[in-house]
Amino acid sequence: MNDNTTLSQKKEHHSTWVKWTHWIISIAFVTLLFSGIEILMVHPRLYWGETGNDLTPALFELPISRNYKHGGWEKPTAFFNDKASPVTAGRTYDIFNENGWGRSLHFLAAWFLVVTGLIYLFAGFLKRHFRRHIFLRSGEISRHSFLTDLRNHLSMKIPAATGGPQYSVLQKFSYVVVIFMLLPLIVFTGFTMSPAITAAYPFMLKIFGGVQSARTIHFFAFVLLFLFLFIHIFMVIRSGFRQKMRGMI
């Protein structure tokens, strides 16, 4: 973080609406994280394109439940005689298949994230929060500023918390990526996995290359957001947990 922060900036605190939206989005995201992992445990395979199931080749499988490469199938049977025919087969293995509650919880938490996120975006532009605190200023947009801040973070030269929205170059860059790229991406890929939404807006399937492609992109966006959350919590603890929490409560 720049040491040139003025005294008035140091005394600036988070707005009430920032605190409320921060905690609602945080709770929604943790709920989505928990329920999303549970959903993924039921079918830990990712594909690319329009279709994908246990009988079609996967990009990769995740070893996160007993469903991982279970291989418990009777002889596959084609519905029709041609090579492009859909294939079915009976299971011979007791798979983990309890995700009804997970999907319901995931869907509910997603709407909390979407609605609160829209309020945050609207208020952020209206009250110039993004311009004052999140967007990089002209003097900060340089390779030298970014690399210097990155080296400081990697070497754990982290300034003490101020309890307000005084962010370093690396923090601002991270927040811009999360707020304006990763969160919209994970929301729209989530919408693309909904048959009701794509029935009304089929162009979303074309944008992401199919429902299975959207699911795979959704997963990688989730991984990046999880890494951000992990690093964010670590930095909060490292820079002064009590001061940070006091500033956000």
Protein backbone atom coordinates (compact mmCIF):
# COMPACT_ATOMS: atom_id res chain seq x y z
CA MET A 1 0.00 0.00 0.00
CA ASN A 2 1.21 3.53 -0.74
CA ASP A 3 2.58 5.41 2.26
CA ASN A 4 1.32 8.64 0.70
CA THR A 5 -2.15 8.14 2.11
CA THR A 6 -3.39 11.39 3.57
CA LEU A 7 -4.61 11.79 7.12
CA SER A 8 -8.17 12.36 5.94
CA GLN A 9 -8.08 9.16 3.91
CA LYS A 10 -6.80 7.19 6.89
CA LYS A 11 -9.78 8.34 8.93
CA GLU A 12 -12.26 7.27 6.25
CA HIS A 13 -14.39 4.27 7.16
CA HIS A 14 -16.55 1.83 5.23
CA SER A 15 -20.06 3.04 4.46
CA THR A 16 -22.96 1.27 6.14
CA TRP A 17 -24.27 -0.06 2.82
CA VAL A 18 -20.80 -1.49 2.04
CA LYS A 19 -20.77 -3.34 5.38
CA TRP A 20 -24.26 -4.79 4.89
CA THR A 21 -23.69 -5.94 1.31
CA HIS A 22 -20.24 -7.29 2.22
CA TRP A 23 -21.62 -9.61 4.90
CA ILE A 24 -24.71 -10.72 2.97
CA ILE A 25 -22.60 -11.55 -0.09
CA SER A 26 -20.02 -13.28 2.14
CA ILE A 27 -22.64 -15.51 3.78
CA ALA A 28 -24.24 -16.25 0.41
CA PHE A 29 -20.86 -17.13 -1.10
CA VAL A 30 -19.90 -19.49 1.75
CA THR A 31 -23.33 -21.16 1.42
CA LEU A 32 -22.80 -21.50 -2.35
CA LEU A 33 -19.34 -22.92 -1.71
CA PHE A 34 -20.69 -25.57 0.68
CA SER A 35 -23.70 -26.56 -1.44
CA GLY A 36 -21.69 -26.40 -4.69
CA ILE A 37 -19.13 -28.89 -3.39
CA GLU A 38 -21.95 -31.20 -2.32
CA ILE A 39 -23.49 -30.99 -5.81
CA LEU A 40 -20.11 -31.67 -7.39
CA MET A 41 -19.59 -34.72 -5.17
CA VAL A 42 -22.67 -36.33 -6.73
CA HIS A 43 -21.23 -35.95 -10.24
CA PRO A 44 -17.49 -35.16 -10.01
CA ARG A 45 -16.98 -35.11 -13.79
CA LEU A 46 -16.62 -32.08 -16.07
CA TYR A 47 -17.27 -31.96 -19.82
CA TRP A 48 -17.20 -29.57 -22.75
CA GLY A 49 -20.04 -28.96 -25.17
CA GLU A 50 -23.77 -29.56 -25.05
CA THR A 51 -24.00 -32.93 -23.29
CA GLY A 52 -22.16 -35.07 -20.80
CA ASN A 53 -22.91 -37.96 -18.47
CA ASP A 54 -21.23 -40.98 -16.87
CA LEU A 55 -21.24 -42.82 -20.20
CA THR A 56 -19.53 -40.08 -22.21
CA PRO A 57 -15.84 -39.04 -22.07
CA ALA A 58 -15.04 -36.31 -19.51
CA LEU A 59 -12.41 -33.59 -19.58
CA PHE A 60 -11.41 -34.78 -16.10
CA GLU A 61 -12.79 -36.25 -12.90
CA LEU A 62 -12.39 -34.92 -9.38
CA PRO A 63 -11.54 -37.46 -6.63
CA ILE A 64 -13.94 -35.93 -4.10
CA SER A 65 -16.45 -38.71 -3.40
CA ARG A 66 -17.03 -42.41 -3.85
CA ASN A 67 -18.58 -41.57 -7.24
CA TYR A 68 -15.07 -40.91 -8.59
CA LYS A 69 -14.43 -43.43 -11.39
CA HIS A 70 -16.86 -45.88 -9.84
CA GLY A 71 -17.18 -47.91 -13.05
CA GLY A 72 -20.28 -49.71 -11.83
CA TRP A 73 -22.27 -50.27 -15.03
CA GLU A 74 -24.07 -53.09 -16.75
CA LYS A 75 -23.47 -53.52 -20.49
CA PRO A 76 -24.38 -50.21 -22.25
CA THR A 77 -27.41 -50.43 -24.54
CA ALA A 78 -28.14 -48.07 -27.45
CA PHE A 79 -31.68 -46.77 -27.95
CA PHE A 80 -31.33 -46.93 -31.76
CA ASN A 81 -29.18 -48.81 -34.27
CA ASP A 82 -27.14 -45.87 -35.57
CA LYS A 83 -23.78 -44.82 -34.04
CA ALA A 84 -25.09 -41.45 -32.84
CA SER A 85 -27.80 -43.10 -30.73
CA PRO A 86 -28.06 -42.16 -27.03
CA VAL A 87 -26.80 -44.89 -24.74
CA THR A 88 -28.19 -46.14 -21.44
CA ALA A 89 -26.97 -48.58 -18.82
CA GLY A 90 -28.02 -49.74 -15.37
CA ARG A 91 -25.80 -49.02 -12.38
CA THR A 92 -24.29 -51.86 -10.37
CA TYR A 93 -22.67 -49.55 -7.80
CA ASP A 94 -24.27 -47.70 -4.89
CA ILE A 95 -23.29 -44.12 -5.73
CA PHE A 96 -23.65 -41.03 -3.56
CA ASN A 97 -26.80 -39.37 -4.93
CA GLU A 98 -28.31 -37.03 -2.34
CA ASN A 99 -28.18 -33.54 -3.79
CA GLY A 100 -31.80 -32.39 -3.80
CA TRP A 101 -31.27 -30.25 -0.69
CA GLY A 102 -27.91 -29.08 -2.06
CA ARG A 103 -29.44 -27.80 -5.28
CA SER A 104 -32.28 -26.05 -3.44
CA LEU A 105 -29.85 -24.38 -1.03
CA HIS A 106 -27.53 -23.44 -3.91
CA PHE A 107 -30.38 -21.86 -5.86
CA LEU A 108 -31.63 -19.92 -2.81
CA ALA A 109 -28.17 -18.60 -1.89
CA ALA A 110 -27.54 -17.66 -5.53
CA TRP A 111 -30.46 -15.23 -5.50
CA PHE A 112 -29.15 -13.59 -2.33
CA LEU A 113 -25.82 -13.16 -4.12
CA VAL A 114 -27.41 -11.79 -7.30
CA VAL A 115 -29.84 -9.35 -5.67
CA THR A 116 -27.33 -8.05 -3.12
CA GLY A 117 -24.65 -7.87 -5.79
CA LEU A 118 -26.89 -5.71 -7.99
CA ILE A 119 -27.57 -3.40 -5.04
CA TYR A 120 -23.82 -3.18 -4.39
CA LEU A 121 -23.10 -2.35 -8.05
CA PHE A 122 -25.86 0.26 -8.25
CA ALA A 123 -24.80 1.94 -4.99
CA GLY A 124 -21.12 1.65 -5.89
CA PHE A 125 -21.56 3.71 -9.04
CA LEU A 126 -24.18 6.06 -7.57
CA LYS A 127 -22.09 6.93 -4.51
CA ARG A 128 -18.81 6.88 -6.48
CA HIS A 129 -17.42 4.13 -4.25
CA PHE A 130 -15.76 2.39 -7.18
CA ARG A 131 -14.21 5.57 -8.48
CA ARG A 132 -12.88 6.66 -5.09
CA HIS A 133 -11.73 3.31 -3.68
CA ILE A 134 -11.73 0.45 -6.20
CA PHE A 135 -10.70 1.69 -9.64
CA LEU A 136 -6.98 2.21 -10.18
CA ARG A 137 -5.90 5.84 -10.53
CA SER A 138 -3.71 6.98 -13.39
CA GLY A 139 -0.60 7.09 -11.20
CA GLU A 140 -1.18 3.50 -10.04
CA ILE A 141 -1.53 1.96 -13.50
CA SER A 142 2.05 0.97 -14.13
CA ARG A 143 4.11 -2.21 -14.24
CA HIS A 144 6.41 -0.85 -11.53
CA SER A 145 3.55 -0.14 -9.07
CA PHE A 146 2.00 -3.56 -9.60
CA LEU A 147 5.29 -5.50 -9.28
CA THR A 148 6.37 -3.50 -6.22
CA ASP A 149 3.10 -4.20 -4.44
CA LEU A 150 3.25 -7.86 -5.48
CA ARG A 151 6.78 -8.23 -4.07
CA ASN A 152 5.69 -6.57 -0.83
CA HIS A 153 2.81 -9.03 -0.45
CA LEU A 154 4.93 -12.07 -1.30
CA SER A 155 7.57 -11.01 1.21
CA MET A 156 4.82 -10.36 3.80
CA LYS A 157 5.56 -6.63 4.02
CA ILE A 158 1.91 -5.92 4.66
CA PRO A 159 0.87 -2.52 6.09
CA ALA A 160 -1.21 -2.47 9.25
CA ALA A 161 -4.97 -2.30 8.75
CA THR A 162 -6.59 1.13 8.75
CA GLY A 163 -10.15 -0.10 9.23
CA GLY A 164 -11.31 1.66 6.07
CA PRO A 165 -11.34 1.40 2.26
CA GLN A 166 -7.69 2.32 1.69
CA TYR A 167 -6.57 -0.35 -0.75
CA SER A 168 -3.21 -1.08 -2.34
CA VAL A 169 -2.65 -1.51 -6.08
CA LEU A 170 -2.83 -5.30 -5.85
CA GLN A 171 -5.99 -5.16 -3.74
CA LYS A 172 -7.71 -2.83 -6.19
CA PHE A 173 -6.73 -5.02 -9.12
CA SER A 174 -8.04 -8.12 -7.32
CA TYR A 175 -11.34 -6.44 -6.41
CA VAL A 176 -11.89 -5.25 -9.99
CA VAL A 177 -11.32 -8.79 -11.31
CA VAL A 178 -13.64 -10.33 -8.71
CA ILE A 179 -16.44 -7.72 -8.87
CA PHE A 180 -16.55 -7.09 -12.61
CA MET A 181 -15.30 -10.38 -14.07
CA LEU A 182 -15.46 -13.49 -11.87
CA LEU A 183 -18.74 -12.85 -10.04
CA PRO A 184 -20.67 -11.93 -13.23
CA LEU A 185 -19.10 -14.94 -14.98
CA ILE A 186 -20.14 -17.37 -12.26
CA VAL A 187 -23.66 -15.89 -12.18
CA PHE A 188 -24.22 -16.07 -15.93
CA THR A 189 -22.77 -19.57 -16.26
CA GLY A 190 -25.05 -20.59 -13.40
CA PHE A 191 -28.02 -19.13 -15.30
CA THR A 192 -26.93 -21.06 -18.40
CA MET A 193 -27.24 -24.33 -16.48
CA SER A 194 -30.92 -23.58 -15.79
CA PRO A 195 -33.24 -25.12 -18.43
CA ALA A 196 -35.96 -22.57 -17.61
CA ILE A 197 -33.65 -19.62 -18.23
CA THR A 198 -32.05 -21.00 -21.40
CA ALA A 199 -35.51 -21.85 -22.76
CA ALA A 200 -36.31 -18.14 -22.57
CA TYR A 201 -32.81 -16.95 -23.54
CA PRO A 202 -31.22 -19.68 -25.72
CA PHE A 203 -28.43 -17.34 -26.85
CA MET A 204 -26.73 -17.99 -23.49
CA LEU A 205 -26.00 -21.56 -24.57
CA LYS A 206 -24.28 -20.23 -27.69
CA ILE A 207 -22.21 -17.76 -25.67
CA PHE A 208 -20.76 -20.47 -23.43
CA GLY A 209 -20.73 -23.32 -25.95
CA GLY A 210 -23.36 -25.49 -24.28
CA VAL A 211 -24.61 -26.31 -20.81
CA GLN A 212 -21.68 -28.61 -20.00
CA SER A 213 -19.17 -25.98 -21.10
CA ALA A 214 -20.96 -23.47 -18.87
CA ARG A 215 -20.70 -25.93 -15.96
CA THR A 216 -16.96 -26.34 -16.52
CA ILE A 217 -16.39 -22.56 -16.74
CA HIS A 218 -18.56 -22.20 -13.62
CA PHE A 219 -16.26 -24.61 -11.79
CA PHE A 220 -13.05 -22.80 -12.74
CA ALA A 221 -14.57 -19.44 -11.79
CA PHE A 222 -15.47 -20.99 -8.44
CA VAL A 223 -11.87 -22.18 -7.95
CA LEU A 224 -10.53 -18.66 -8.58
CA LEU A 225 -13.09 -17.12 -6.22
CA PHE A 226 -12.22 -19.69 -3.56
CA LEU A 227 -8.53 -18.81 -3.89
CA PHE A 228 -9.44 -15.13 -3.58
CA LEU A 229 -11.48 -15.85 -0.43
CA PHE A 230 -8.63 -17.86 1.11
CA ILE A 231 -6.03 -15.17 0.39
CA HIS A 232 -8.44 -12.42 1.48
CA ILE A 233 -9.00 -14.05 4.88
CA PHE A 234 -5.27 -14.67 5.29
CA MET A 235 -4.47 -11.02 4.51
CA VAL A 236 -7.14 -9.81 6.93
CA ILE A 237 -5.57 -11.87 9.71
CA ARG A 238 -2.03 -10.88 8.71
CA SER A 239 -2.67 -7.13 8.52
CA GLY A 240 -4.67 -6.83 11.73
CA PHE A 241 -7.76 -8.98 12.25
CA ARG A 242 -9.29 -6.94 15.06
CA GLN A 243 -8.89 -3.63 13.25
CA LYS A 244 -10.26 -5.05 9.98
CA MET A 245 -13.27 -6.62 11.67
CA ARG A 246 -13.97 -3.48 13.67
CA GLY A 247 -13.93 -1.47 10.44
CA MET A 248 -16.38 -3.82 8.72
CA ILE A 249 -18.84 -4.27 11.62
